[in-house]
Amino acid sequence: MTKTPVYLLLTTDYFKYPNVEEATHYLKQNNVKTCDDIEKIPKDMHWIMGPSGTVFNLQKRANINKY
């Protein structure tokens, strides 16, 4: 059996964390790691990995159609 990776999309436009860098900083403070080496993406996005190993693509809501 082979495993296919599943990446989830996490967007930010919340007033408390209006941009990706602030959201990334908050997540890092809460033991969520960036793993941008997974795949090359624009600089205003990050791959992040939650404590359970789930990978998310973190980006601002306006970027959804850009990727």
C-alpha atoms as a PDB file:
ATOM      1  CA  MET A   1       0.000   0.000   0.000  1.00  0.00           C
ATOM      2  CA  THR A   2       1.343   3.456  -0.857  1.00  0.00           C
ATOM      3  CA  LYS A   3       0.553   6.654   0.943  1.00  0.00           C
ATOM      4  CA  THR A   4      -0.445   9.742  -0.993  1.00  0.00           C
ATOM      5  CA  PRO A   5       0.345  13.002   0.789  1.00  0.00           C
ATOM      6  CA  VAL A   6      -2.597  15.264   1.496  1.00  0.00           C
ATOM      7  CA  TYR A   7      -1.923  18.958   2.045  1.00  0.00           C
ATOM      8  CA  LEU A   8      -4.587  21.173   3.556  1.00  0.00           C
ATOM      9  CA  LEU A   9      -5.009  24.888   2.928  1.00  0.00           C
ATOM     10  CA  LEU A  10      -5.034  27.291   5.871  1.00  0.00           C
ATOM     11  CA  THR A  11      -5.844  30.910   5.028  1.00  0.00           C
ATOM     12  CA  THR A  12      -5.465  34.021   7.118  1.00  0.00           C
ATOM     13  CA  ASP A  13      -7.369  37.250   6.906  1.00  0.00           C
ATOM     14  CA  TYR A  14      -8.337  37.374  10.549  1.00  0.00           C
ATOM     15  CA  PHE A  15      -7.937  40.861  12.038  1.00  0.00           C
ATOM     16  CA  LYS A  16      -5.604  39.642  14.788  1.00  0.00           C
ATOM     17  CA  TYR A  17      -3.216  37.966  12.308  1.00  0.00           C
ATOM     18  CA  PRO A  18      -3.815  39.864   9.054  1.00  0.00           C
ATOM     19  CA  ASN A  19      -0.743  38.591   7.251  1.00  0.00           C
ATOM     20  CA  VAL A  20       1.066  35.326   6.786  1.00  0.00           C
ATOM     21  CA  GLU A  21       4.219  36.322   8.686  1.00  0.00           C
ATOM     22  CA  GLU A  22       2.263  37.262  11.837  1.00  0.00           C
ATOM     23  CA  ALA A  23       0.243  34.058  11.605  1.00  0.00           C
ATOM     24  CA  THR A  24       3.452  32.046  11.085  1.00  0.00           C
ATOM     25  CA  HIS A  25       5.056  33.679  14.120  1.00  0.00           C
ATOM     26  CA  TYR A  26       2.010  32.804  16.249  1.00  0.00           C
ATOM     27  CA  LEU A  27       2.008  29.208  15.032  1.00  0.00           C
ATOM     28  CA  LYS A  28       5.756  28.792  15.697  1.00  0.00           C
ATOM     29  CA  GLN A  29       5.189  30.006  19.270  1.00  0.00           C
ATOM     30  CA  ASN A  30       2.670  27.169  19.585  1.00  0.00           C
ATOM     31  CA  ASN A  31       4.964  24.360  18.357  1.00  0.00           C
ATOM     32  CA  VAL A  32       3.846  24.420  14.718  1.00  0.00           C
ATOM     33  CA  LYS A  33       6.878  24.145  12.432  1.00  0.00           C
ATOM     34  CA  THR A  34       7.396  25.555   8.966  1.00  0.00           C
ATOM     35  CA  CYS A  35       8.600  23.052   6.394  1.00  0.00           C
ATOM     36  CA  ASP A  36       9.068  25.154   3.272  1.00  0.00           C
ATOM     37  CA  ASP A  37      11.392  22.574   1.717  1.00  0.00           C
ATOM     38  CA  ILE A  38       8.387  20.380   0.772  1.00  0.00           C
ATOM     39  CA  GLU A  39       7.788  22.255  -2.470  1.00  0.00           C
ATOM     40  CA  LYS A  40       8.738  25.670  -3.827  1.00  0.00           C
ATOM     41  CA  ILE A  41       5.928  28.185  -3.316  1.00  0.00           C
ATOM     42  CA  PRO A  42       5.715  32.010  -3.386  1.00  0.00           C
ATOM     43  CA  LYS A  43       7.518  33.843  -0.578  1.00  0.00           C
ATOM     44  CA  ASP A  44       4.245  35.090   0.944  1.00  0.00           C
ATOM     45  CA  MET A  45       3.158  31.507   1.716  1.00  0.00           C
ATOM     46  CA  HIS A  46       4.515  28.777   3.992  1.00  0.00           C
ATOM     47  CA  TRP A  47       4.208  25.052   4.348  1.00  0.00           C
ATOM     48  CA  ILE A  48       3.561  24.287   8.001  1.00  0.00           C
ATOM     49  CA  MET A  49       3.316  21.014   9.892  1.00  0.00           C
ATOM     50  CA  GLY A  50       1.069  20.617  12.888  1.00  0.00           C
ATOM     51  CA  PRO A  51       2.018  18.534  15.942  1.00  0.00           C
ATOM     52  CA  SER A  52       0.228  15.493  14.476  1.00  0.00           C
ATOM     53  CA  GLY A  53       2.265  15.688  11.247  1.00  0.00           C
ATOM     54  CA  THR A  54      -0.507  17.140   9.088  1.00  0.00           C
ATOM     55  CA  VAL A  55       0.872  19.516   6.446  1.00  0.00           C
ATOM     56  CA  PHE A  56      -0.908  22.776   5.634  1.00  0.00           C
ATOM     57  CA  ASN A  57      -0.268  25.497   3.088  1.00  0.00           C
ATOM     58  CA  LEU A  58      -0.582  28.807   4.958  1.00  0.00           C
ATOM     59  CA  GLN A  59      -1.473  31.807   2.826  1.00  0.00           C
ATOM     60  CA  LYS A  60      -3.502  34.973   2.825  1.00  0.00           C
ATOM     61  CA  ARG A  61      -7.048  34.464   1.593  1.00  0.00           C
ATOM     62  CA  ALA A  62      -6.438  36.711  -1.446  1.00  0.00           C
ATOM     63  CA  ASN A  63      -3.711  34.307  -2.656  1.00  0.00           C
ATOM     64  CA  ILE A  64      -5.950  31.277  -3.073  1.00  0.00           C
ATOM     65  CA  ASN A  65      -6.266  31.584  -6.847  1.00  0.00           C
ATOM     66  CA  LYS A  66      -2.617  32.600  -7.227  1.00  0.00           C
ATOM     67  CA  TYR A  67      -1.149  29.223  -6.256  1.00  0.00           C
END
